[in-house]
Amino acid sequence: MPKLPRVSSREVIRALERLGFVLIRQTGSHVVLKKVTAEGEIGCVVPVHRELKVGTLNSILKQAKVTIEDFIDNL
């Protein structure tokens, strides 16, 4: 499994949008994204920071049900 890169919240949002997520709303410093699948809706929250910590990014990817490889391919 590859290591997670240090990325900004803008890069994470852009990669998730390439994976089919749609920006729903932004409340303060948090952006809410959703994706409709056959199993239902998948939602995730991305905090707006210059650089996300690796643990935070890992948590976002778990919420979004996205593998690290798919995420890195869509950066």
PDB file of N, CA and C in Angstrom:
ATOM      1  N   MET A   1       0.848  -1.179   0.000  1.00  0.00           N
ATOM      2  CA  MET A   1       0.000   0.000   0.000  1.00  0.00           C
ATOM      3  C   MET A   1       0.892   1.241   0.000  1.00  0.00           C
ATOM      4  N   PRO A   2       0.653   2.168  -0.940  1.00  0.00           N
ATOM      5  CA  PRO A   2       1.476   3.378  -1.004  1.00  0.00           C
ATOM      6  C   PRO A   2       1.183   4.323   0.159  1.00  0.00           C
ATOM      7  N   LYS A   3       2.154   5.170   0.458  1.00  0.00           N
ATOM      8  CA  LYS A   3       1.988   6.148   1.516  1.00  0.00           C
ATOM      9  C   LYS A   3       1.088   7.273   1.029  1.00  0.00           C
ATOM     10  N   LEU A   4       0.344   7.862   1.959  1.00  0.00           N
ATOM     11  CA  LEU A   4      -0.496   8.997   1.619  1.00  0.00           C
ATOM     12  C   LEU A   4       0.362  10.247   1.460  1.00  0.00           C
ATOM     13  N   PRO A   5       0.147  11.012   0.414  1.00  0.00           N
ATOM     14  CA  PRO A   5       0.927  12.235   0.227  1.00  0.00           C
ATOM     15  C   PRO A   5       0.381  13.368   1.093  1.00  0.00           C
ATOM     16  N   ARG A   6       1.192  14.378   1.316  1.00  0.00           N
ATOM     17  CA  ARG A   6       0.738  15.590   2.000  1.00  0.00           C
ATOM     18  C   ARG A   6       0.091  16.480   0.946  1.00  0.00           C
ATOM     19  N   VAL A   7      -1.195  16.726   1.082  1.00  0.00           N
ATOM     20  CA  VAL A   7      -1.925  17.512   0.091  1.00  0.00           C
ATOM     21  C   VAL A   7      -2.795  18.550   0.793  1.00  0.00           C
ATOM     22  N   SER A   8      -3.225  19.550   0.029  1.00  0.00           N
ATOM     23  CA  SER A   8      -4.119  20.570   0.568  1.00  0.00           C
ATOM     24  C   SER A   8      -5.562  20.109   0.410  1.00  0.00           C
ATOM     25  N   SER A   9      -6.454  20.803   1.070  1.00  0.00           N
ATOM     26  CA  SER A   9      -7.866  20.444   0.971  1.00  0.00           C
ATOM     27  C   SER A   9      -8.392  20.675  -0.444  1.00  0.00           C
ATOM     28  N   ARG A  10      -7.871  21.674  -1.147  1.00  0.00           N
ATOM     29  CA  ARG A  10      -8.305  21.914  -2.533  1.00  0.00           C
ATOM     30  C   ARG A  10      -7.982  20.712  -3.423  1.00  0.00           C
ATOM     31  N   GLU A  11      -6.787  20.149  -3.240  1.00  0.00           N
ATOM     32  CA  GLU A  11      -6.390  18.984  -4.034  1.00  0.00           C
ATOM     33  C   GLU A  11      -7.265  17.776  -3.712  1.00  0.00           C
ATOM     34  N   VAL A  12      -7.620  17.604  -2.443  1.00  0.00           N
ATOM     35  CA  VAL A  12      -8.490  16.491  -2.035  1.00  0.00           C
ATOM     36  C   VAL A  12      -9.868  16.658  -2.658  1.00  0.00           C
ATOM     37  N   ILE A  13     -10.428  17.866  -2.582  1.00  0.00           N
ATOM     38  CA  ILE A  13     -11.757  18.120  -3.145  1.00  0.00           C
ATOM     39  C   ILE A  13     -11.746  17.879  -4.648  1.00  0.00           C
ATOM     40  N   ARG A  14     -10.707  18.345  -5.333  1.00  0.00           N
ATOM     41  CA  ARG A  14     -10.609  18.158  -6.783  1.00  0.00           C
ATOM     42  C   ARG A  14     -10.526  16.671  -7.140  1.00  0.00           C
ATOM     43  N   ALA A  15      -9.745  15.908  -6.385  1.00  0.00           N
ATOM     44  CA  ALA A  15      -9.610  14.470  -6.647  1.00  0.00           C
ATOM     45  C   ALA A  15     -10.932  13.748  -6.401  1.00  0.00           C
ATOM     46  N   LEU A  16     -11.644  14.115  -5.328  1.00  0.00           N
ATOM     47  CA  LEU A  16     -12.928  13.481  -5.042  1.00  0.00           C
ATOM     48  C   LEU A  16     -13.966  13.838  -6.101  1.00  0.00           C
ATOM     49  N   GLU A  17     -13.924  15.061  -6.618  1.00  0.00           N
ATOM     50  CA  GLU A  17     -14.845  15.439  -7.697  1.00  0.00           C
ATOM     51  C   GLU A  17     -14.566  14.621  -8.947  1.00  0.00           C
ATOM     52  N   ARG A  18     -13.301  14.327  -9.226  1.00  0.00           N
ATOM     53  CA  ARG A  18     -12.963  13.472 -10.374  1.00  0.00           C
ATOM     54  C   ARG A  18     -13.490  12.057 -10.176  1.00  0.00           C
ATOM     55  N   LEU A  19     -13.638  11.643  -8.912  1.00  0.00           N
ATOM     56  CA  LEU A  19     -14.152  10.311  -8.596  1.00  0.00           C
ATOM     57  C   LEU A  19     -15.683  10.274  -8.537  1.00  0.00           C
ATOM     58  N   GLY A  20     -16.346  11.386  -8.852  1.00  0.00           N
ATOM     59  CA  GLY A  20     -17.805  11.392  -8.927  1.00  0.00           C
ATOM     60  C   GLY A  20     -18.516  12.099  -7.790  1.00  0.00           C
ATOM     61  N   PHE A  21     -17.786  12.667  -6.850  1.00  0.00           N
ATOM     62  CA  PHE A  21     -18.415  13.386  -5.746  1.00  0.00           C
ATOM     63  C   PHE A  21     -18.822  14.782  -6.200  1.00  0.00           C
ATOM     64  N   VAL A  22     -19.882  15.298  -5.587  1.00  0.00           N
ATOM     65  CA  VAL A  22     -20.402  16.617  -5.913  1.00  0.00           C
ATOM     66  C   VAL A  22     -20.371  17.462  -4.652  1.00  0.00           C
ATOM     67  N   LEU A  23     -19.914  18.710  -4.793  1.00  0.00           N
ATOM     68  CA  LEU A  23     -19.885  19.624  -3.665  1.00  0.00           C
ATOM     69  C   LEU A  23     -21.312  20.028  -3.324  1.00  0.00           C
ATOM     70  N   ILE A  24     -21.750  19.745  -2.091  1.00  0.00           N
ATOM     71  CA  ILE A  24     -23.106  20.057  -1.663  1.00  0.00           C
ATOM     72  C   ILE A  24     -23.174  21.423  -0.997  1.00  0.00           C
ATOM     73  N   ARG A  25     -22.288  21.635  -0.011  1.00  0.00           N
ATOM     74  CA  ARG A  25     -22.296  22.917   0.693  1.00  0.00           C
ATOM     75  C   ARG A  25     -20.983  23.108   1.436  1.00  0.00           C
ATOM     76  N   GLN A  26     -20.761  24.354   1.855  1.00  0.00           N
ATOM     77  CA  GLN A  26     -19.624  24.668   2.705  1.00  0.00           C
ATOM     78  C   GLN A  26     -20.144  25.455   3.893  1.00  0.00           C
ATOM     79  N   THR A  27     -19.852  24.946   5.076  1.00  0.00           N
ATOM     80  CA  THR A  27     -20.243  25.634   6.300  1.00  0.00           C
ATOM     81  C   THR A  27     -18.965  25.974   7.048  1.00  0.00           C
ATOM     82  N   GLY A  28     -18.625  27.237   7.093  1.00  0.00           N
ATOM     83  CA  GLY A  28     -17.396  27.645   7.754  1.00  0.00           C
ATOM     84  C   GLY A  28     -16.193  27.067   7.048  1.00  0.00           C
ATOM     85  N   SER A  29     -15.393  26.300   7.761  1.00  0.00           N
ATOM     86  CA  SER A  29     -14.181  25.740   7.168  1.00  0.00           C
ATOM     87  C   SER A  29     -14.328  24.265   6.829  1.00  0.00           C
ATOM     88  N   HIS A  30     -15.553  23.795   6.580  1.00  0.00           N
ATOM     89  CA  HIS A  30     -15.780  22.398   6.222  1.00  0.00           C
ATOM     90  C   HIS A  30     -16.621  22.315   4.949  1.00  0.00           C
ATOM     91  N   VAL A  31     -16.167  21.487   4.012  1.00  0.00           N
ATOM     92  CA  VAL A  31     -16.863  21.273   2.748  1.00  0.00           C
ATOM     93  C   VAL A  31     -17.501  19.889   2.786  1.00  0.00           C
ATOM     94  N   VAL A  32     -18.779  19.809   2.394  1.00  0.00           N
ATOM     95  CA  VAL A  32     -19.513  18.544   2.377  1.00  0.00           C
ATOM     96  C   VAL A  32     -19.665  18.101   0.927  1.00  0.00           C
ATOM     97  N   LEU A  33     -19.237  16.856   0.648  1.00  0.00           N
ATOM     98  CA  LEU A  33     -19.332  16.269  -0.683  1.00  0.00           C
ATOM     99  C   LEU A  33     -20.183  15.013  -0.610  1.00  0.00           C
ATOM    100  N   LYS A  34     -20.933  14.719  -1.682  1.00  0.00           N
ATOM    101  CA  LYS A  34     -21.749  13.509  -1.733  1.00  0.00           C
ATOM    102  C   LYS A  34     -21.621  12.848  -3.090  1.00  0.00           C
ATOM    103  N   LYS A  35     -21.870  11.534  -3.078  1.00  0.00           N
ATOM    104  CA  LYS A  35     -21.862  10.743  -4.304  1.00  0.00           C
ATOM    105  C   LYS A  35     -23.000   9.743  -4.212  1.00  0.00           C
ATOM    106  N   VAL A  36     -23.792   9.618  -5.266  1.00  0.00           N
ATOM    107  CA  VAL A  36     -24.899   8.672  -5.298  1.00  0.00           C
ATOM    108  C   VAL A  36     -24.411   7.394  -5.970  1.00  0.00           C
ATOM    109  N   THR A  37     -24.588   6.264  -5.276  1.00  0.00           N
ATOM    110  CA  THR A  37     -24.197   4.964  -5.815  1.00  0.00           C
ATOM    111  C   THR A  37     -25.408   4.040  -5.787  1.00  0.00           C
ATOM    112  N   ALA A  38     -25.230   2.826  -6.260  1.00  0.00           N
ATOM    113  CA  ALA A  38     -26.315   1.851  -6.264  1.00  0.00           C
ATOM    114  C   ALA A  38     -26.720   1.472  -4.838  1.00  0.00           C
ATOM    115  N   GLU A  39     -25.750   1.499  -3.910  1.00  0.00           N
ATOM    116  CA  GLU A  39     -26.041   1.155  -2.507  1.00  0.00           C
ATOM    117  C   GLU A  39     -26.661   2.306  -1.740  1.00  0.00           C
ATOM    118  N   GLY A  40     -26.580   3.509  -2.265  1.00  0.00           N
ATOM    119  CA  GLY A  40     -27.112   4.697  -1.585  1.00  0.00           C
ATOM    120  C   GLY A  40     -26.152   5.858  -1.726  1.00  0.00           C
ATOM    121  N   GLU A  41     -26.315   6.852  -0.855  1.00  0.00           N
ATOM    122  CA  GLU A  41     -25.457   8.028  -0.912  1.00  0.00           C
ATOM    123  C   GLU A  41     -24.234   7.841  -0.019  1.00  0.00           C
ATOM    124  N   ILE A  42     -23.104   8.337  -0.497  1.00  0.00           N
ATOM    125  CA  ILE A  42     -21.876   8.359   0.287  1.00  0.00           C
ATOM    126  C   ILE A  42     -21.536   9.820   0.504  1.00  0.00           C
ATOM    127  N   GLY A  43     -21.345  10.204   1.751  1.00  0.00           N
ATOM    128  CA  GLY A  43     -21.002  11.584   2.060  1.00  0.00           C
ATOM    129  C   GLY A  43     -19.676  11.654   2.781  1.00  0.00           C
ATOM    130  N   CYS A  44     -18.974  12.757   2.612  1.00  0.00           N
ATOM    131  CA  CYS A  44     -17.736  12.969   3.356  1.00  0.00           C
ATOM    132  C   CYS A  44     -17.544  14.460   3.593  1.00  0.00           C
ATOM    133  N   VAL A  45     -16.824  14.765   4.641  1.00  0.00           N
ATOM    134  CA  VAL A  45     -16.568  16.141   5.044  1.00  0.00           C
ATOM    135  C   VAL A  45     -15.074  16.392   4.954  1.00  0.00           C
ATOM    136  N   VAL A  46     -14.699  17.479   4.273  1.00  0.00           N
ATOM    137  CA  VAL A  46     -13.289  17.840   4.112  1.00  0.00           C
ATOM    138  C   VAL A  46     -13.055  19.186   4.795  1.00  0.00           C
ATOM    139  N   PRO A  47     -12.176  19.231   5.814  1.00  0.00           N
ATOM    140  CA  PRO A  47     -11.850  20.518   6.429  1.00  0.00           C
ATOM    141  C   PRO A  47     -10.949  21.321   5.498  1.00  0.00           C
ATOM    142  N   VAL A  48     -11.154  22.622   5.454  1.00  0.00           N
ATOM    143  CA  VAL A  48     -10.369  23.483   4.577  1.00  0.00           C
ATOM    144  C   VAL A  48      -9.099  23.899   5.321  1.00  0.00           C
ATOM    145  N   HIS A  49      -7.965  23.300   4.909  1.00  0.00           N
ATOM    146  CA  HIS A  49      -6.659  23.609   5.481  1.00  0.00           C
ATOM    147  C   HIS A  49      -5.639  23.686   4.353  1.00  0.00           C
ATOM    148  N   ARG A  50      -4.528  24.373   4.615  1.00  0.00           N
ATOM    149  CA  ARG A  50      -3.456  24.432   3.625  1.00  0.00           C
ATOM    150  C   ARG A  50      -2.847  23.064   3.375  1.00  0.00           C
ATOM    151  N   GLU A  51      -2.655  22.323   4.451  1.00  0.00           N
ATOM    152  CA  GLU A  51      -2.098  20.971   4.335  1.00  0.00           C
ATOM    153  C   GLU A  51      -2.814  20.066   5.324  1.00  0.00           C
ATOM    154  N   LEU A  52      -3.399  18.971   4.817  1.00  0.00           N
ATOM    155  CA  LEU A  52      -4.104  18.031   5.679  1.00  0.00           C
ATOM    156  C   LEU A  52      -3.119  17.030   6.279  1.00  0.00           C
ATOM    157  N   LYS A  53      -3.333  16.697   7.534  1.00  0.00           N
ATOM    158  CA  LYS A  53      -2.509  15.675   8.167  1.00  0.00           C
ATOM    159  C   LYS A  53      -2.870  14.315   7.570  1.00  0.00           C
ATOM    160  N   VAL A  54      -1.948  13.384   7.637  1.00  0.00           N
ATOM    161  CA  VAL A  54      -2.131  12.065   7.031  1.00  0.00           C
ATOM    162  C   VAL A  54      -3.318  11.341   7.661  1.00  0.00           C
ATOM    163  N   GLY A  55      -3.479  11.441   8.975  1.00  0.00           N
ATOM    164  CA  GLY A  55      -4.600  10.787   9.654  1.00  0.00           C
ATOM    165  C   GLY A  55      -5.938  11.357   9.228  1.00  0.00           C
ATOM    166  N   THR A  56      -5.985  12.674   9.043  1.00  0.00           N
ATOM    167  CA  THR A  56      -7.213  13.323   8.583  1.00  0.00           C
ATOM    168  C   THR A  56      -7.557  12.878   7.171  1.00  0.00           C
ATOM    169  N   LEU A  57      -6.557  12.831   6.306  1.00  0.00           N
ATOM    170  CA  LEU A  57      -6.778  12.383   4.924  1.00  0.00           C
ATOM    171  C   LEU A  57      -7.234  10.932   4.893  1.00  0.00           C
ATOM    172  N   ASN A  58      -6.640  10.095   5.719  1.00  0.00           N
ATOM    173  CA  ASN A  58      -7.040   8.688   5.791  1.00  0.00           C
ATOM    174  C   ASN A  58      -8.501   8.572   6.225  1.00  0.00           C
ATOM    175  N   SER A  59      -8.917   9.377   7.186  1.00  0.00           N
ATOM    176  CA  SER A  59     -10.299   9.368   7.654  1.00  0.00           C
ATOM    177  C   SER A  59     -11.266   9.819   6.557  1.00  0.00           C
ATOM    178  N   ILE A  60     -10.877  10.831   5.796  1.00  0.00           N
ATOM    179  CA  ILE A  60     -11.713  11.318   4.686  1.00  0.00           C
ATOM    180  C   ILE A  60     -11.894  10.219   3.646  1.00  0.00           C
ATOM    181  N   LEU A  61     -10.812   9.516   3.324  1.00  0.00           N
ATOM    182  CA  LEU A  61     -10.888   8.446   2.320  1.00  0.00           C
ATOM    183  C   LEU A  61     -11.743   7.282   2.808  1.00  0.00           C
ATOM    184  N   LYS A  62     -11.707   6.996   4.108  1.00  0.00           N
ATOM    185  CA  LYS A  62     -12.577   5.951   4.654  1.00  0.00           C
ATOM    186  C   LYS A  62     -14.033   6.359   4.564  1.00  0.00           C
ATOM    187  N   GLN A  63     -14.348   7.617   4.889  1.00  0.00           N
ATOM    188  CA  GLN A  63     -15.721   8.117   4.777  1.00  0.00           C
ATOM    189  C   GLN A  63     -16.210   7.999   3.339  1.00  0.00           C
ATOM    190  N   ALA A  64     -15.333   8.355   2.398  1.00  0.00           N
ATOM    191  CA  ALA A  64     -15.703   8.372   0.984  1.00  0.00           C
ATOM    192  C   ALA A  64     -15.652   6.996   0.344  1.00  0.00           C
ATOM    193  N   LYS A  65     -15.122   5.990   1.081  1.00  0.00           N
ATOM    194  CA  LYS A  65     -14.974   4.628   0.558  1.00  0.00           C
ATOM    195  C   LYS A  65     -14.132   4.619  -0.718  1.00  0.00           C
ATOM    196  N   VAL A  66     -13.000   5.328  -0.649  1.00  0.00           N
ATOM    197  CA  VAL A  66     -12.070   5.442  -1.771  1.00  0.00           C
ATOM    198  C   VAL A  66     -10.748   4.813  -1.349  1.00  0.00           C
ATOM    199  N   THR A  67     -10.155   4.005  -2.214  1.00  0.00           N
ATOM    200  CA  THR A  67      -8.864   3.405  -1.899  1.00  0.00           C
ATOM    201  C   THR A  67      -7.759   4.448  -2.094  1.00  0.00           C
ATOM    202  N   ILE A  68      -6.645   4.204  -1.455  1.00  0.00           N
ATOM    203  CA  ILE A  68      -5.502   5.126  -1.572  1.00  0.00           C
ATOM    204  C   ILE A  68      -5.006   5.174  -3.007  1.00  0.00           C
ATOM    205  N   GLU A  69      -4.989   4.016  -3.662  1.00  0.00           N
ATOM    206  CA  GLU A  69      -4.519   3.962  -5.050  1.00  0.00           C
ATOM    207  C   GLU A  69      -5.406   4.792  -5.976  1.00  0.00           C
ATOM    208  N   ASP A  70      -6.742   4.667  -5.819  1.00  0.00           N
ATOM    209  CA  ASP A  70      -7.665   5.458  -6.635  1.00  0.00           C
ATOM    210  C   ASP A  70      -7.483   6.944  -6.380  1.00  0.00           C
ATOM    211  N   PHE A  71      -7.295   7.288  -5.108  1.00  0.00           N
ATOM    212  CA  PHE A  71      -7.114   8.692  -4.750  1.00  0.00           C
ATOM    213  C   PHE A  71      -5.847   9.259  -5.398  1.00  0.00           C
ATOM    214  N   ILE A  72      -4.736   8.530  -5.283  1.00  0.00           N
ATOM    215  CA  ILE A  72      -3.470   9.014  -5.847  1.00  0.00           C
ATOM    216  C   ILE A  72      -3.561   9.116  -7.367  1.00  0.00           C
ATOM    217  N   ASP A  73      -4.263   8.187  -8.004  1.00  0.00           N
ATOM    218  CA  ASP A  73      -4.422   8.236  -9.463  1.00  0.00           C
ATOM    219  C   ASP A  73      -5.213   9.459  -9.910  1.00  0.00           C
ATOM    220  N   ASN A  74      -6.083   9.984  -9.058  1.00  0.00           N
ATOM    221  CA  ASN A  74      -6.937  11.120  -9.426  1.00  0.00           C
ATOM    222  C   ASN A  74      -6.440  12.455  -8.893  1.00  0.00           C
ATOM    223  N   LEU A  75      -5.255  12.486  -8.323  1.00  0.00           N
ATOM    224  CA  LEU A  75      -4.697  13.762  -7.859  1.00  0.00           C
ATOM    225  C   LEU A  75      -4.348  14.664  -9.039  1.00  0.00           C
TER     226      LEU A  75
END
